[in-house]
Protein backbone atom coordinates (compact mmCIF):
# COMPACT_ATOMS: atom_id res chain seq x y z
CA MET A 1 89.25 -52.96 50.96
CA ARG A 2 87.20 -53.45 47.62
CA ALA A 3 86.35 -51.06 44.95
CA GLU A 4 83.40 -51.92 42.52
CA THR A 5 83.94 -50.84 38.92
CA ASN A 6 81.64 -51.74 35.90
CA GLY A 7 81.00 -55.27 38.15
CA VAL A 8 84.91 -55.26 38.45
CA GLY A 9 86.07 -55.54 41.90
CA ILE A 10 89.23 -54.12 42.81
CA GLU A 11 91.24 -55.45 46.08
CA PHE A 12 93.10 -52.81 47.68
CA ASP A 13 94.78 -51.70 50.89
CA VAL A 14 95.25 -48.43 52.95
CA THR A 15 97.87 -47.81 55.42
CA GLY A 16 98.92 -44.78 57.35
CA GLU A 17 97.44 -41.17 57.75
CA GLY A 18 98.32 -38.05 55.46
CA ARG A 19 98.33 -37.01 52.33
CA PRO A 20 97.07 -39.86 50.14
CA VAL A 21 99.67 -41.40 47.58
CA VAL A 22 98.35 -44.19 45.13
CA LEU A 23 100.67 -46.58 44.40
CA ILE A 24 100.06 -48.74 40.77
CA HIS A 25 101.73 -51.94 40.15
CA GLY A 26 102.57 -53.25 36.57
CA PHE A 27 103.61 -56.61 35.13
CA PRO A 28 103.66 -59.58 36.33
CA ASP A 29 103.52 -58.00 40.33
CA SER A 30 101.09 -57.10 42.46
CA GLY A 31 100.31 -54.17 45.24
CA ARG A 32 103.08 -56.63 47.33
CA LEU A 33 105.88 -54.86 45.12
CA TRP A 34 105.71 -51.55 47.04
CA ARG A 35 106.24 -52.65 50.78
CA HIS A 36 109.36 -50.82 50.98
CA GLN A 37 107.64 -47.70 49.57
CA VAL A 38 104.64 -48.36 51.87
CA ARG A 39 106.55 -48.36 54.88
CA ALA A 40 108.87 -45.40 53.97
CA LEU A 41 106.02 -42.90 52.82
CA THR A 42 103.91 -43.73 55.89
CA GLN A 43 106.74 -42.89 57.98
CA ALA A 44 107.19 -40.14 56.59
CA GLY A 45 103.27 -38.98 57.43
CA PHE A 46 101.47 -40.04 53.78
CA GLN A 47 98.55 -42.24 53.33
CA THR A 48 99.27 -44.94 51.01
CA ILE A 49 96.49 -46.81 48.91
CA VAL A 50 97.70 -49.58 46.86
CA PRO A 51 95.62 -51.87 44.73
CA ASP A 52 96.12 -55.18 43.20
CA MET A 53 95.27 -54.24 39.64
CA ARG A 54 92.45 -56.22 37.72
CA GLY A 55 93.71 -59.49 36.64
CA TYR A 56 96.29 -60.08 39.60
CA ARG A 57 96.16 -61.77 42.89
CA ARG A 58 92.99 -60.65 45.05
CA SER A 59 91.28 -58.61 42.33
CA ASP A 60 88.88 -59.62 40.03
CA LYS A 61 89.97 -61.18 36.39
CA PRO A 62 87.19 -60.59 33.73
CA ALA A 63 88.03 -62.66 30.37
CA PRO A 64 87.59 -60.71 27.60
CA VAL A 65 90.96 -59.18 26.24
CA ASP A 66 89.70 -55.45 26.24
CA ALA A 67 88.45 -55.56 29.78
CA TYR A 68 92.42 -54.54 29.96
CA ALA A 69 92.26 -51.33 28.12
CA VAL A 70 93.95 -48.56 29.49
CA SER A 71 90.36 -46.58 30.07
CA ALA A 72 89.40 -49.71 32.32
CA LEU A 73 92.51 -49.22 34.27
CA VAL A 74 92.14 -45.43 34.75
CA GLY A 75 88.58 -46.52 35.67
CA ASP A 76 89.74 -48.69 38.33
CA ILE A 77 91.91 -46.40 39.88
CA LEU A 78 89.49 -43.52 40.04
CA ALA A 79 87.24 -46.16 41.62
CA VAL A 80 89.44 -46.96 44.35
CA MET A 81 90.15 -43.29 45.06
CA ARG A 82 86.29 -43.02 45.39
CA ALA A 83 85.99 -46.26 47.75
CA ALA A 84 88.83 -44.91 49.80
CA GLY A 85 86.79 -41.19 50.08
CA ILE A 86 89.93 -39.61 48.18
CA GLU A 87 89.44 -36.85 45.67
CA ARG A 88 92.92 -36.00 45.00
CA ALA A 89 96.04 -37.83 45.44
CA HIS A 90 99.83 -38.27 44.37
CA VAL A 91 100.24 -41.22 41.97
CA VAL A 92 102.95 -43.26 41.57
CA GLY A 93 103.32 -45.88 38.68
CA HIS A 94 105.46 -48.71 37.59
CA ASP A 95 105.59 -50.35 34.38
CA TRP A 96 102.07 -50.76 33.09
CA GLY A 97 101.19 -48.67 36.48
CA ALA A 98 103.00 -45.77 34.86
CA ALA A 99 101.20 -46.19 31.68
CA VAL A 100 98.16 -45.89 33.93
CA ALA A 101 99.58 -43.04 35.90
CA TRP A 102 100.29 -41.30 32.83
CA ALA A 103 96.97 -41.74 31.54
CA LEU A 104 95.27 -40.60 34.84
CA GLY A 105 97.53 -37.27 34.76
CA ALA A 106 96.16 -36.67 31.02
CA LEU A 107 92.92 -37.25 31.12
CA ALA A 108 91.78 -37.02 34.86
CA SER A 109 94.17 -34.41 36.13
CA GLU A 110 91.80 -32.99 38.63
CA HIS A 111 92.46 -35.97 40.66
CA VAL A 112 96.06 -36.34 40.27
CA ASP A 113 98.33 -33.69 42.51
CA HIS A 114 102.00 -34.73 41.82
CA LEU A 115 102.59 -37.75 39.23
CA THR A 116 105.74 -40.14 39.26
CA ALA A 117 106.42 -42.36 36.31
CA LEU A 118 108.91 -45.37 37.32
CA SER A 119 110.81 -47.09 34.20
CA VAL A 120 107.91 -46.17 31.50
CA GLY A 121 107.70 -42.83 29.72
CA HIS A 122 104.73 -41.17 28.00
CA PRO A 123 103.29 -43.41 25.95
CA ALA A 124 103.95 -41.01 23.10
CA THR A 125 107.77 -40.88 23.58
CA PHE A 126 107.54 -44.94 24.20
CA ARG A 127 106.20 -45.46 20.90
CA ALA A 128 107.92 -42.90 18.94
CA HIS A 129 111.55 -43.92 19.77
CA GLY A 130 112.32 -46.29 16.89
CA PHE A 131 114.44 -49.11 16.39
CA GLU A 132 116.41 -49.08 19.70
CA GLN A 133 112.87 -49.18 21.74
CA HIS A 134 111.42 -51.43 19.16
CA GLU A 135 114.39 -53.75 19.62
CA LYS A 136 114.05 -54.08 23.33
CA SER A 137 110.27 -54.25 23.11
CA TRP A 138 110.37 -57.55 21.11
CA TYR A 139 108.80 -59.63 24.01
CA MET A 140 105.55 -57.39 23.71
CA LEU A 141 104.95 -59.17 20.07
CA LEU A 142 105.48 -62.55 21.23
CA PHE A 143 102.77 -61.75 24.10
CA GLN A 144 100.55 -61.01 21.79
CA PHE A 145 100.04 -64.98 20.92
CA ALA A 146 97.80 -66.30 23.24
CA GLY A 147 98.38 -69.71 24.52
CA ILE A 148 102.22 -69.49 23.10
CA ALA A 149 103.38 -66.71 25.37
CA GLU A 150 101.79 -68.32 28.48
CA GLU A 151 103.90 -71.28 27.36
CA TRP A 152 106.97 -69.63 26.71
CA LEU A 153 107.18 -68.07 29.84
CA SER A 154 106.04 -70.64 32.20
CA ALA A 155 107.64 -73.87 30.65
CA ASN A 156 110.92 -75.70 32.43
CA ASP A 157 109.88 -74.05 35.71
CA TRP A 158 109.36 -70.41 34.11
CA ALA A 159 112.99 -70.71 32.78
CA ASN A 160 112.40 -68.22 30.18
CA PHE A 161 110.79 -65.72 32.39
CA ARG A 162 113.37 -66.09 34.90
CA ALA A 163 116.36 -65.47 31.94
CA TRP A 164 114.48 -62.61 30.55
CA SER A 165 112.84 -60.57 33.38
CA ARG A 166 116.01 -60.62 35.51
CA HIS A 167 113.16 -60.43 38.15
CA PRO A 168 114.94 -59.90 41.77
CA GLU A 169 112.24 -61.57 43.56
CA ALA A 170 111.04 -64.18 40.51
CA ASP A 171 109.94 -67.01 42.82
CA ALA A 172 107.78 -64.68 44.70
CA ALA A 173 106.06 -63.10 41.35
CA ILE A 174 105.64 -66.76 39.83
CA ALA A 175 104.11 -68.25 43.15
CA GLU A 176 101.42 -65.24 42.88
CA LEU A 177 100.75 -65.59 39.20
CA GLU A 178 100.39 -69.49 39.79
CA ALA A 179 98.19 -69.16 42.78
CA ALA A 180 95.87 -66.54 41.36
CA ASP A 181 95.89 -67.81 37.64
CA SER A 182 96.77 -64.49 36.85
CA LEU A 183 99.41 -64.84 33.92
CA THR A 184 96.88 -64.45 30.80
CA PRO A 185 95.38 -61.86 32.47
CA ALA A 186 98.49 -60.07 33.15
CA LEU A 187 99.49 -60.61 29.64
CA ASN A 188 96.05 -58.96 28.48
CA TYR A 189 97.49 -55.65 29.03
CA TYR A 190 99.63 -56.06 26.24
CA ARG A 191 97.24 -57.59 24.14
CA ALA A 192 94.55 -54.74 24.74
CA ASN A 193 97.05 -51.92 24.58
CA LEU A 194 100.06 -52.47 22.26
CA PRO A 195 98.83 -54.86 19.43
CA PRO A 196 101.14 -54.84 16.48
CA GLU A 197 99.17 -52.17 14.59
CA ILE A 198 99.63 -49.37 17.20
CA TRP A 199 103.25 -49.30 16.54
CA LEU A 200 102.51 -48.07 12.92
CA THR A 201 99.91 -45.78 13.78
CA ARG A 202 101.18 -44.71 17.42
CA GLY A 203 97.56 -44.73 18.57
CA ARG A 204 95.22 -41.77 19.82
CA PRO A 205 97.27 -39.24 21.43
CA LEU A 206 96.73 -38.26 25.33
CA PRO A 207 96.42 -34.49 26.25
CA PRO A 208 99.47 -32.97 27.71
CA VAL A 209 99.99 -33.79 31.62
CA PRO A 210 99.61 -30.59 33.19
CA VAL A 211 100.41 -31.57 36.89
CA PRO A 212 103.96 -31.59 38.50
CA THR A 213 106.21 -34.70 37.18
CA LEU A 214 108.72 -36.94 38.09
CA GLY A 215 110.36 -39.57 35.81
CA VAL A 216 112.89 -42.30 37.35
CA TRP A 217 114.94 -44.49 35.07
CA SER A 218 117.28 -47.01 35.68
CA SER A 219 120.63 -47.89 33.92
CA ASP A 220 120.31 -51.56 33.97
CA ASP A 221 116.73 -51.77 32.53
CA VAL A 222 116.61 -54.58 29.75
CA ALA A 223 113.33 -53.51 27.96
CA LEU A 224 113.41 -49.75 28.15
CA THR A 225 115.61 -46.86 26.95
CA GLU A 226 116.50 -43.75 28.65
CA TRP A 227 115.33 -41.62 25.91
CA GLN A 228 111.86 -42.81 26.21
CA MET A 229 111.64 -41.44 29.85
CA THR A 230 113.31 -37.98 29.40
CA ALA A 231 111.72 -37.13 25.97
CA SER A 232 108.54 -37.38 28.16
CA GLU A 233 109.21 -33.97 29.09
CA GLN A 234 107.58 -32.78 25.79
CA SER A 235 104.28 -34.10 26.78
CA VAL A 236 104.07 -32.63 30.19
CA THR A 237 103.27 -28.84 30.68
CA GLY A 238 103.40 -29.04 34.52
CA ALA A 239 107.00 -28.69 36.06
CA TRP A 240 109.20 -31.71 35.09
CA ARG A 241 111.98 -33.59 37.00
CA TYR A 242 114.02 -36.45 35.63
CA GLU A 243 116.17 -38.62 37.86
CA ARG A 244 118.24 -41.67 36.63
CA LEU A 245 119.31 -44.21 38.99
CA ASP A 246 122.65 -46.09 38.04
CA GLY A 247 123.29 -49.62 38.81
CA CYS A 248 120.22 -51.44 39.31
CA GLY A 249 117.32 -53.01 36.88
CA HIS A 250 113.84 -52.83 36.11
CA TRP A 251 112.38 -53.37 39.38
CA MET A 252 114.14 -50.12 41.12
CA GLN A 253 111.83 -50.30 44.19
CA LEU A 254 113.25 -53.39 45.23
CA GLU A 255 116.92 -53.04 44.05
CA ALA A 256 117.16 -49.64 45.03
CA PRO A 257 114.30 -49.07 47.59
CA GLU A 258 116.06 -46.44 49.90
CA GLU A 259 116.92 -44.36 46.61
CA VAL A 260 113.64 -44.65 45.35
CA ASN A 261 112.06 -43.79 48.71
CA ARG A 262 114.55 -40.70 48.97
CA LEU A 263 113.13 -39.43 45.74
CA LEU A 264 109.20 -39.97 46.14
CA ILE A 265 109.52 -38.47 49.79
CA ASP A 266 111.38 -35.42 48.21
CA PHE A 267 109.33 -34.80 45.73
CA LEU A 268 105.78 -35.34 47.07
CA PRO A 269 104.71 -32.65 49.02
CA ALA A 270 103.40 -33.76 52.37
């Protein structure tokens, strides 16, 4: 299926019947990331809505950097929900998808039933954590440099990407980025939303999230501290729940799918 928002087309898949769950991927993946969750959720009686976010795989890839601002990404998800005939849904996000989920919960809570953020905590706590998170986020500064970041990631058969990311399905992720020419659009998420100056100003604060929210962090995540997730409770006025997964890295949906599926099915009302 396809949704249109301000001239940008977003491709998405709808699977199953029941209470809808929107699954939002991040860097450098596509909707394919969620295949284990789609299977488990549909078997549990949910309907899943899985977009390829703008810039990725089948969806359009606008050229301007500011086309990838979070406000535009939120608009994409709302357009997908309208195209699917859905007014309100559970929202689950990972990585950049978690940032979009947080923004949806804060700015369009009337469309969000329960919210789940995997890996990435609320933007306010993510940027406020200080030296440890800044140290882990060194790559975000590198990604600001157009051309240089693309070369660093892709040179020598993507050697730096493989070593830095520890992506459990690096070959598949790389193949999708290359086939769809998605690397620069994917990096534009960082360029549009995390320019260096925002680390000093902390940006414009989001309203608190009033819906029930689950935050999940994994102990071997190379890019994110536990604090930036646990402290997200400060930005949630709805019911808050935190879960830690030990022994898996950033891509918990792939490394510990049964645990992630168990948490989602337990937290999301069917």
